[in-house]
Amino acid sequence: MKNDNIDIMNSYAKTIKDKGMSVPAVFFLEMFKYLSFTFSQAMIVAGPLATIFLNSKKYYQISKLLSDRNNVENFITKIESSEND
């Protein structure tokens, strides 16, 4: 896994922990991890419209992360470990 991906995951895991949304985030990710590739492709299709309102660099980085189920598993692990810290 690239250092950029690790930094992005750590950043989002910290944000999720700070907002107290660790349990719902892990629940959602566990529930939909088998569809993560489909969601990443849907994000690419919706990208031109979504990036009008969102930061395009982060948006496409997230869609790239979601394209691999192992990244989703690693993200769940990071959220759980940040909650325990």
PDB file of N, CA and C in Angstrom:
ATOM      1  N   MET A   1       0.846  -1.183   0.000  1.00  0.00           N
ATOM      2  CA  MET A   1       0.000   0.000   0.000  1.00  0.00           C
ATOM      3  C   MET A   1       0.888   1.242   0.000  1.00  0.00           C
ATOM      4  N   LYS A   2       0.488   2.226  -0.765  1.00  0.00           N
ATOM      5  CA  LYS A   2       1.272   3.447  -0.883  1.00  0.00           C
ATOM      6  C   LYS A   2       1.153   4.303   0.370  1.00  0.00           C
ATOM      7  N   ASN A   3       2.173   5.119   0.605  1.00  0.00           N
ATOM      8  CA  ASN A   3       2.158   6.022   1.753  1.00  0.00           C
ATOM      9  C   ASN A   3       1.026   7.030   1.650  1.00  0.00           C
ATOM     10  N   ASP A   4       0.698   7.453   0.424  1.00  0.00           N
ATOM     11  CA  ASP A   4      -0.413   8.390   0.243  1.00  0.00           C
ATOM     12  C   ASP A   4      -1.717   7.781   0.737  1.00  0.00           C
ATOM     13  N   ASN A   5      -1.932   6.503   0.397  1.00  0.00           N
ATOM     14  CA  ASN A   5      -3.152   5.825   0.838  1.00  0.00           C
ATOM     15  C   ASN A   5      -3.200   5.711   2.352  1.00  0.00           C
ATOM     16  N   ILE A   6      -2.065   5.409   2.955  1.00  0.00           N
ATOM     17  CA  ILE A   6      -2.003   5.287   4.411  1.00  0.00           C
ATOM     18  C   ILE A   6      -2.300   6.628   5.066  1.00  0.00           C
ATOM     19  N   ASP A   7      -1.728   7.698   4.524  1.00  0.00           N
ATOM     20  CA  ASP A   7      -1.985   9.035   5.072  1.00  0.00           C
ATOM     21  C   ASP A   7      -3.454   9.418   4.955  1.00  0.00           C
ATOM     22  N   ILE A   8      -4.058   9.107   3.819  1.00  0.00           N
ATOM     23  CA  ILE A   8      -5.478   9.417   3.631  1.00  0.00           C
ATOM     24  C   ILE A   8      -6.324   8.633   4.622  1.00  0.00           C
ATOM     25  N   MET A   9      -6.037   7.344   4.771  1.00  0.00           N
ATOM     26  CA  MET A   9      -6.802   6.515   5.707  1.00  0.00           C
ATOM     27  C   MET A   9      -6.638   7.006   7.134  1.00  0.00           C
ATOM     28  N   ASN A  10      -5.413   7.352   7.528  1.00  0.00           N
ATOM     29  CA  ASN A  10      -5.190   7.862   8.879  1.00  0.00           C
ATOM     30  C   ASN A  10      -5.941   9.162   9.109  1.00  0.00           C
ATOM     31  N   SER A  11      -5.944  10.020   8.110  1.00  0.00           N
ATOM     32  CA  SER A  11      -6.647  11.298   8.217  1.00  0.00           C
ATOM     33  C   SER A  11      -8.145  11.090   8.410  1.00  0.00           C
ATOM     34  N   TYR A  12      -8.738  10.234   7.584  1.00  0.00           N
ATOM     35  CA  TYR A  12     -10.174   9.990   7.701  1.00  0.00           C
ATOM     36  C   TYR A  12     -10.516   9.213   8.972  1.00  0.00           C
ATOM     37  N   ALA A  13      -9.656   8.292   9.382  1.00  0.00           N
ATOM     38  CA  ALA A  13      -9.903   7.549  10.622  1.00  0.00           C
ATOM     39  C   ALA A  13      -9.898   8.494  11.821  1.00  0.00           C
ATOM     40  N   LYS A  14      -8.978   9.459  11.826  1.00  0.00           N
ATOM     41  CA  LYS A  14      -8.929  10.442  12.916  1.00  0.00           C
ATOM     42  C   LYS A  14     -10.186  11.308  12.913  1.00  0.00           C
ATOM     43  N   THR A  15     -10.616  11.739  11.726  1.00  0.00           N
ATOM     44  CA  THR A  15     -11.823  12.560  11.626  1.00  0.00           C
ATOM     45  C   THR A  15     -13.045  11.793  12.114  1.00  0.00           C
ATOM     46  N   ILE A  16     -13.153  10.535  11.726  1.00  0.00           N
ATOM     47  CA  ILE A  16     -14.283   9.703  12.154  1.00  0.00           C
ATOM     48  C   ILE A  16     -14.267   9.530  13.660  1.00  0.00           C
ATOM     49  N   LYS A  17     -13.086   9.293  14.233  1.00  0.00           N
ATOM     50  CA  LYS A  17     -12.971   9.127  15.685  1.00  0.00           C
ATOM     51  C   LYS A  17     -13.340  10.412  16.409  1.00  0.00           C
ATOM     52  N   ASP A  18     -12.840  11.556  15.919  1.00  0.00           N
ATOM     53  CA  ASP A  18     -13.109  12.839  16.566  1.00  0.00           C
ATOM     54  C   ASP A  18     -14.598  13.186  16.564  1.00  0.00           C
ATOM     55  N   LYS A  19     -15.310  12.757  15.550  1.00  0.00           N
ATOM     56  CA  LYS A  19     -16.747  13.041  15.468  1.00  0.00           C
ATOM     57  C   LYS A  19     -17.587  11.993  16.187  1.00  0.00           C
ATOM     58  N   GLY A  20     -16.937  10.953  16.722  1.00  0.00           N
ATOM     59  CA  GLY A  20     -17.655   9.919  17.459  1.00  0.00           C
ATOM     60  C   GLY A  20     -18.481   9.009  16.566  1.00  0.00           C
ATOM     61  N   MET A  21     -18.040   8.822  15.338  1.00  0.00           N
ATOM     62  CA  MET A  21     -18.798   8.027  14.375  1.00  0.00           C
ATOM     63  C   MET A  21     -18.108   6.704  14.040  1.00  0.00           C
ATOM     64  N   SER A  22     -17.281   6.204  14.948  1.00  0.00           N
ATOM     65  CA  SER A  22     -16.521   4.985  14.667  1.00  0.00           C
ATOM     66  C   SER A  22     -17.421   3.776  14.465  1.00  0.00           C
ATOM     67  N   VAL A  23     -18.380   3.596  15.358  1.00  0.00           N
ATOM     68  CA  VAL A  23     -19.255   2.422  15.264  1.00  0.00           C
ATOM     69  C   VAL A  23     -20.099   2.454  13.991  1.00  0.00           C
ATOM     70  N   PRO A  24     -20.790   3.572  13.684  1.00  0.00           N
ATOM     71  CA  PRO A  24     -21.557   3.581  12.429  1.00  0.00           C
ATOM     72  C   PRO A  24     -20.676   3.432  11.186  1.00  0.00           C
ATOM     73  N   ALA A  25     -19.473   4.001  11.215  1.00  0.00           N
ATOM     74  CA  ALA A  25     -18.580   3.898  10.060  1.00  0.00           C
ATOM     75  C   ALA A  25     -18.137   2.457   9.837  1.00  0.00           C
ATOM     76  N   VAL A  26     -17.746   1.782  10.910  1.00  0.00           N
ATOM     77  CA  VAL A  26     -17.326   0.383  10.788  1.00  0.00           C
ATOM     78  C   VAL A  26     -18.504  -0.478  10.342  1.00  0.00           C
ATOM     79  N   PHE A  27     -19.685  -0.226  10.904  1.00  0.00           N
ATOM     80  CA  PHE A  27     -20.881  -0.973  10.521  1.00  0.00           C
ATOM     81  C   PHE A  27     -21.160  -0.806   9.029  1.00  0.00           C
ATOM     82  N   PHE A  28     -21.139   0.434   8.552  1.00  0.00           N
ATOM     83  CA  PHE A  28     -21.399   0.716   7.145  1.00  0.00           C
ATOM     84  C   PHE A  28     -20.353   0.066   6.247  1.00  0.00           C
ATOM     85  N   LEU A  29     -19.080   0.203   6.612  1.00  0.00           N
ATOM     86  CA  LEU A  29     -18.011  -0.365   5.787  1.00  0.00           C
ATOM     87  C   LEU A  29     -18.067  -1.891   5.756  1.00  0.00           C
ATOM     88  N   GLU A  30     -18.357  -2.511   6.901  1.00  0.00           N
ATOM     89  CA  GLU A  30     -18.482  -3.972   6.939  1.00  0.00           C
ATOM     90  C   GLU A  30     -19.659  -4.437   6.088  1.00  0.00           C
ATOM     91  N   MET A  31     -20.742  -3.681   6.145  1.00  0.00           N
ATOM     92  CA  MET A  31     -21.947  -4.062   5.427  1.00  0.00           C
ATOM     93  C   MET A  31     -21.759  -3.960   3.909  1.00  0.00           C
ATOM     94  N   PHE A  32     -21.031  -2.953   3.465  1.00  0.00           N
ATOM     95  CA  PHE A  32     -20.914  -2.707   2.036  1.00  0.00           C
ATOM     96  C   PHE A  32     -19.536  -2.994   1.445  1.00  0.00           C
ATOM     97  N   LYS A  33     -18.656  -3.657   2.190  1.00  0.00           N
ATOM     98  CA  LYS A  33     -17.306  -3.868   1.661  1.00  0.00           C
ATOM     99  C   LYS A  33     -17.298  -4.760   0.427  1.00  0.00           C
ATOM    100  N   TYR A  34     -18.288  -5.625   0.292  1.00  0.00           N
ATOM    101  CA  TYR A  34     -18.328  -6.494  -0.881  1.00  0.00           C
ATOM    102  C   TYR A  34     -18.797  -5.746  -2.126  1.00  0.00           C
ATOM    103  N   LEU A  35     -19.389  -4.583  -1.927  1.00  0.00           N
ATOM    104  CA  LEU A  35     -19.825  -3.745  -3.045  1.00  0.00           C
ATOM    105  C   LEU A  35     -18.895  -2.556  -3.264  1.00  0.00           C
ATOM    106  N   SER A  36     -17.759  -2.546  -2.594  1.00  0.00           N
ATOM    107  CA  SER A  36     -16.877  -1.378  -2.653  1.00  0.00           C
ATOM    108  C   SER A  36     -16.400  -1.079  -4.073  1.00  0.00           C
ATOM    109  N   PHE A  37     -16.121  -2.111  -4.855  1.00  0.00           N
ATOM    110  CA  PHE A  37     -15.685  -1.866  -6.231  1.00  0.00           C
ATOM    111  C   PHE A  37     -16.802  -1.210  -7.042  1.00  0.00           C
ATOM    112  N   THR A  38     -18.019  -1.687  -6.848  1.00  0.00           N
ATOM    113  CA  THR A  38     -19.169  -1.105  -7.550  1.00  0.00           C
ATOM    114  C   THR A  38     -19.360   0.348  -7.145  1.00  0.00           C
ATOM    115  N   PHE A  39     -19.224   0.637  -5.848  1.00  0.00           N
ATOM    116  CA  PHE A  39     -19.352   2.018  -5.376  1.00  0.00           C
ATOM    117  C   PHE A  39     -18.245   2.902  -5.951  1.00  0.00           C
ATOM    118  N   SER A  40     -17.037   2.364  -6.047  1.00  0.00           N
ATOM    119  CA  SER A  40     -15.938   3.169  -6.600  1.00  0.00           C
ATOM    120  C   SER A  40     -16.201   3.503  -8.063  1.00  0.00           C
ATOM    121  N   GLN A  41     -16.758   2.553  -8.804  1.00  0.00           N
ATOM    122  CA  GLN A  41     -17.078   2.818 -10.208  1.00  0.00           C
ATOM    123  C   GLN A  41     -18.221   3.820 -10.334  1.00  0.00           C
ATOM    124  N   ALA A  42     -19.188   3.743  -9.425  1.00  0.00           N
ATOM    125  CA  ALA A  42     -20.286   4.717  -9.424  1.00  0.00           C
ATOM    126  C   ALA A  42     -19.760   6.114  -9.107  1.00  0.00           C
ATOM    127  N   MET A  43     -18.761   6.195  -8.225  1.00  0.00           N
ATOM    128  CA  MET A  43     -18.160   7.493  -7.916  1.00  0.00           C
ATOM    129  C   MET A  43     -17.458   8.076  -9.138  1.00  0.00           C
ATOM    130  N   ILE A  44     -16.824   7.226  -9.925  1.00  0.00           N
ATOM    131  CA  ILE A  44     -16.153   7.703 -11.136  1.00  0.00           C
ATOM    132  C   ILE A  44     -17.178   8.235 -12.131  1.00  0.00           C
ATOM    133  N   VAL A  45     -18.297   7.523 -12.273  1.00  0.00           N
ATOM    134  CA  VAL A  45     -19.350   7.969 -13.189  1.00  0.00           C
ATOM    135  C   VAL A  45     -19.931   9.302 -12.726  1.00  0.00           C
ATOM    136  N   ALA A  46     -20.148   9.440 -11.415  1.00  0.00           N
ATOM    137  CA  ALA A  46     -20.738  10.668 -10.871  1.00  0.00           C
ATOM    138  C   ALA A  46     -19.701  11.764 -10.655  1.00  0.00           C
ATOM    139  N   GLY A  47     -18.441  11.467 -10.890  1.00  0.00           N
ATOM    140  CA  GLY A  47     -17.352  12.394 -10.624  1.00  0.00           C
ATOM    141  C   GLY A  47     -17.475  13.776 -11.225  1.00  0.00           C
ATOM    142  N   PRO A  48     -17.773  13.897 -12.510  1.00  0.00           N
ATOM    143  CA  PRO A  48     -17.845  15.246 -13.084  1.00  0.00           C
ATOM    144  C   PRO A  48     -18.868  16.151 -12.397  1.00  0.00           C
ATOM    145  N   LEU A  49     -19.982  15.590 -11.990  1.00  0.00           N
ATOM    146  CA  LEU A  49     -20.989  16.391 -11.297  1.00  0.00           C
ATOM    147  C   LEU A  49     -20.611  16.610  -9.827  1.00  0.00           C
ATOM    148  N   ALA A  50     -20.117  15.560  -9.179  1.00  0.00           N
ATOM    149  CA  ALA A  50     -19.796  15.649  -7.753  1.00  0.00           C
ATOM    150  C   ALA A  50     -18.633  16.593  -7.479  1.00  0.00           C
ATOM    151  N   THR A  51     -17.682  16.659  -8.393  1.00  0.00           N
ATOM    152  CA  THR A  51     -16.512  17.504  -8.145  1.00  0.00           C
ATOM    153  C   THR A  51     -16.805  18.991  -8.316  1.00  0.00           C
ATOM    154  N   ILE A  52     -18.001  19.312  -8.748  1.00  0.00           N
ATOM    155  CA  ILE A  52     -18.414  20.721  -8.738  1.00  0.00           C
ATOM    156  C   ILE A  52     -18.504  21.198  -7.291  1.00  0.00           C
ATOM    157  N   PHE A  53     -18.953  20.307  -6.406  1.00  0.00           N
ATOM    158  CA  PHE A  53     -19.188  20.652  -5.009  1.00  0.00           C
ATOM    159  C   PHE A  53     -18.088  20.167  -4.072  1.00  0.00           C
ATOM    160  N   LEU A  54     -17.336  19.157  -4.481  1.00  0.00           N
ATOM    161  CA  LEU A  54     -16.335  18.528  -3.618  1.00  0.00           C
ATOM    162  C   LEU A  54     -14.936  18.713  -4.193  1.00  0.00           C
ATOM    163  N   ASN A  55     -13.945  18.537  -3.331  1.00  0.00           N
ATOM    164  CA  ASN A  55     -12.545  18.590  -3.746  1.00  0.00           C
ATOM    165  C   ASN A  55     -12.266  17.404  -4.671  1.00  0.00           C
ATOM    166  N   SER A  56     -11.928  17.672  -5.916  1.00  0.00           N
ATOM    167  CA  SER A  56     -11.787  16.598  -6.900  1.00  0.00           C
ATOM    168  C   SER A  56     -10.628  15.652  -6.585  1.00  0.00           C
ATOM    169  N   LYS A  57      -9.532  16.175  -6.049  1.00  0.00           N
ATOM    170  CA  LYS A  57      -8.385  15.313  -5.752  1.00  0.00           C
ATOM    171  C   LYS A  57      -8.749  14.279  -4.687  1.00  0.00           C
ATOM    172  N   LYS A  58      -9.348  14.728  -3.591  1.00  0.00           N
ATOM    173  CA  LYS A  58      -9.744  13.803  -2.528  1.00  0.00           C
ATOM    174  C   LYS A  58     -10.829  12.842  -3.005  1.00  0.00           C
ATOM    175  N   TYR A  59     -11.754  13.347  -3.797  1.00  0.00           N
ATOM    176  CA  TYR A  59     -12.861  12.531  -4.295  1.00  0.00           C
ATOM    177  C   TYR A  59     -12.336  11.337  -5.087  1.00  0.00           C
ATOM    178  N   TYR A  60     -11.425  11.595  -6.004  1.00  0.00           N
ATOM    179  CA  TYR A  60     -10.907  10.511  -6.831  1.00  0.00           C
ATOM    180  C   TYR A  60      -9.932   9.617  -6.064  1.00  0.00           C
ATOM    181  N   GLN A  61      -9.261  10.154  -5.045  1.00  0.00           N
ATOM    182  CA  GLN A  61      -8.419   9.309  -4.193  1.00  0.00           C
ATOM    183  C   GLN A  61      -9.284   8.310  -3.430  1.00  0.00           C
ATOM    184  N   ILE A  62     -10.421   8.769  -2.930  1.00  0.00           N
ATOM    185  CA  ILE A  62     -11.318   7.876  -2.199  1.00  0.00           C
ATOM    186  C   ILE A  62     -11.882   6.812  -3.132  1.00  0.00           C
ATOM    187  N   SER A  63     -12.261   7.207  -4.338  1.00  0.00           N
ATOM    188  CA  SER A  63     -12.798   6.210  -5.273  1.00  0.00           C
ATOM    189  C   SER A  63     -11.731   5.176  -5.628  1.00  0.00           C
ATOM    190  N   LYS A  64     -10.487   5.610  -5.712  1.00  0.00           N
ATOM    191  CA  LYS A  64      -9.396   4.670  -5.992  1.00  0.00           C
ATOM    192  C   LYS A  64      -9.181   3.721  -4.808  1.00  0.00           C
ATOM    193  N   LEU A  65      -9.271   4.244  -3.592  1.00  0.00           N
ATOM    194  CA  LEU A  65      -9.135   3.393  -2.408  1.00  0.00           C
ATOM    195  C   LEU A  65     -10.251   2.361  -2.332  1.00  0.00           C
ATOM    196  N   LEU A  66     -11.461   2.768  -2.659  1.00  0.00           N
ATOM    197  CA  LEU A  66     -12.601   1.860  -2.577  1.00  0.00           C
ATOM    198  C   LEU A  66     -12.561   0.756  -3.627  1.00  0.00           C
ATOM    199  N   SER A  67     -11.776   0.933  -4.661  1.00  0.00           N
ATOM    200  CA  SER A  67     -11.750  -0.066  -5.728  1.00  0.00           C
ATOM    201  C   SER A  67     -11.109  -1.383  -5.287  1.00  0.00           C
ATOM    202  N   ASP A  68     -10.384  -1.375  -4.183  1.00  0.00           N
ATOM    203  CA  ASP A  68      -9.738  -2.589  -3.682  1.00  0.00           C
ATOM    204  C   ASP A  68     -10.309  -2.939  -2.308  1.00  0.00           C
ATOM    205  N   ARG A  69     -10.839  -4.137  -2.177  1.00  0.00           N
ATOM    206  CA  ARG A  69     -11.454  -4.561  -0.922  1.00  0.00           C
ATOM    207  C   ARG A  69     -10.445  -4.603   0.226  1.00  0.00           C
ATOM    208  N   ASN A  70      -9.178  -4.896  -0.077  1.00  0.00           N
ATOM    209  CA  ASN A  70      -8.153  -4.917   0.970  1.00  0.00           C
ATOM    210  C   ASN A  70      -7.974  -3.541   1.599  1.00  0.00           C
ATOM    211  N   ASN A  71      -8.102  -2.495   0.796  1.00  0.00           N
ATOM    212  CA  ASN A  71      -8.024  -1.139   1.342  1.00  0.00           C
ATOM    213  C   ASN A  71      -9.174  -0.870   2.301  1.00  0.00           C
ATOM    214  N   VAL A  72     -10.352  -1.378   1.974  1.00  0.00           N
ATOM    215  CA  VAL A  72     -11.510  -1.201   2.858  1.00  0.00           C
ATOM    216  C   VAL A  72     -11.257  -1.930   4.174  1.00  0.00           C
ATOM    217  N   GLU A  73     -10.721  -3.144   4.098  1.00  0.00           N
ATOM    218  CA  GLU A  73     -10.386  -3.901   5.316  1.00  0.00           C
ATOM    219  C   GLU A  73      -9.353  -3.150   6.155  1.00  0.00           C
ATOM    220  N   ASN A  74      -8.337  -2.604   5.504  1.00  0.00           N
ATOM    221  CA  ASN A  74      -7.314  -1.841   6.228  1.00  0.00           C
ATOM    222  C   ASN A  74      -7.903  -0.584   6.860  1.00  0.00           C
ATOM    223  N   PHE A  75      -8.830   0.054   6.166  1.00  0.00           N
ATOM    224  CA  PHE A  75      -9.473   1.252   6.700  1.00  0.00           C
ATOM    225  C   PHE A  75     -10.305   0.914   7.932  1.00  0.00           C
ATOM    226  N   ILE A  76     -11.026  -0.198   7.897  1.00  0.00           N
ATOM    227  CA  ILE A  76     -11.798  -0.643   9.061  1.00  0.00           C
ATOM    228  C   ILE A  76     -10.857  -0.889  10.234  1.00  0.00           C
ATOM    229  N   THR A  77      -9.735  -1.535   9.973  1.00  0.00           N
ATOM    230  CA  THR A  77      -8.747  -1.808  11.024  1.00  0.00           C
ATOM    231  C   THR A  77      -8.199  -0.511  11.608  1.00  0.00           C
ATOM    232  N   LYS A  78      -7.928   0.472  10.751  1.00  0.00           N
ATOM    233  CA  LYS A  78      -7.412   1.763  11.235  1.00  0.00           C
ATOM    234  C   LYS A  78      -8.444   2.486  12.095  1.00  0.00           C
ATOM    235  N   ILE A  79      -9.705   2.438  11.706  1.00  0.00           N
ATOM    236  CA  ILE A  79     -10.757   3.080  12.504  1.00  0.00           C
ATOM    237  C   ILE A  79     -10.851   2.410  13.864  1.00  0.00           C
ATOM    238  N   GLU A  80     -10.852   1.078  13.874  1.00  0.00           N
ATOM    239  CA  GLU A  80     -10.943   0.352  15.142  1.00  0.00           C
ATOM    240  C   GLU A  80      -9.726   0.604  16.022  1.00  0.00           C
ATOM    241  N   SER A  81      -8.531   0.645  15.436  1.00  0.00           N
ATOM    242  CA  SER A  81      -7.331   0.874  16.247  1.00  0.00           C
ATOM    243  C   SER A  81      -7.268   2.313  16.752  1.00  0.00           C
ATOM    244  N   SER A  82      -7.748   3.273  15.962  1.00  0.00           N
ATOM    245  CA  SER A  82      -7.747   4.662  16.434  1.00  0.00           C
ATOM    246  C   SER A  82      -8.762   4.850  17.559  1.00  0.00           C
ATOM    247  N   GLU A  83      -9.824   4.070  17.538  1.00  0.00           N
ATOM    248  CA  GLU A  83     -10.827   4.149  18.609  1.00  0.00           C
ATOM    249  C   GLU A  83     -10.253   3.605  19.916  1.00  0.00           C
ATOM    250  N   ASN A  84      -9.375   2.613  19.823  1.00  0.00           N
ATOM    251  CA  ASN A  84      -8.785   2.013  21.018  1.00  0.00           C
ATOM    252  C   ASN A  84      -7.673   2.865  21.609  1.00  0.00           C
ATOM    253  N   ASP A  85      -7.127   3.809  20.836  1.00  0.00           N
ATOM    254  CA  ASP A  85      -6.036   4.658  21.340  1.00  0.00           C
ATOM    255  C   ASP A  85      -6.529   5.729  22.265  1.00  0.00           C
TER     256      ASP A  85
END
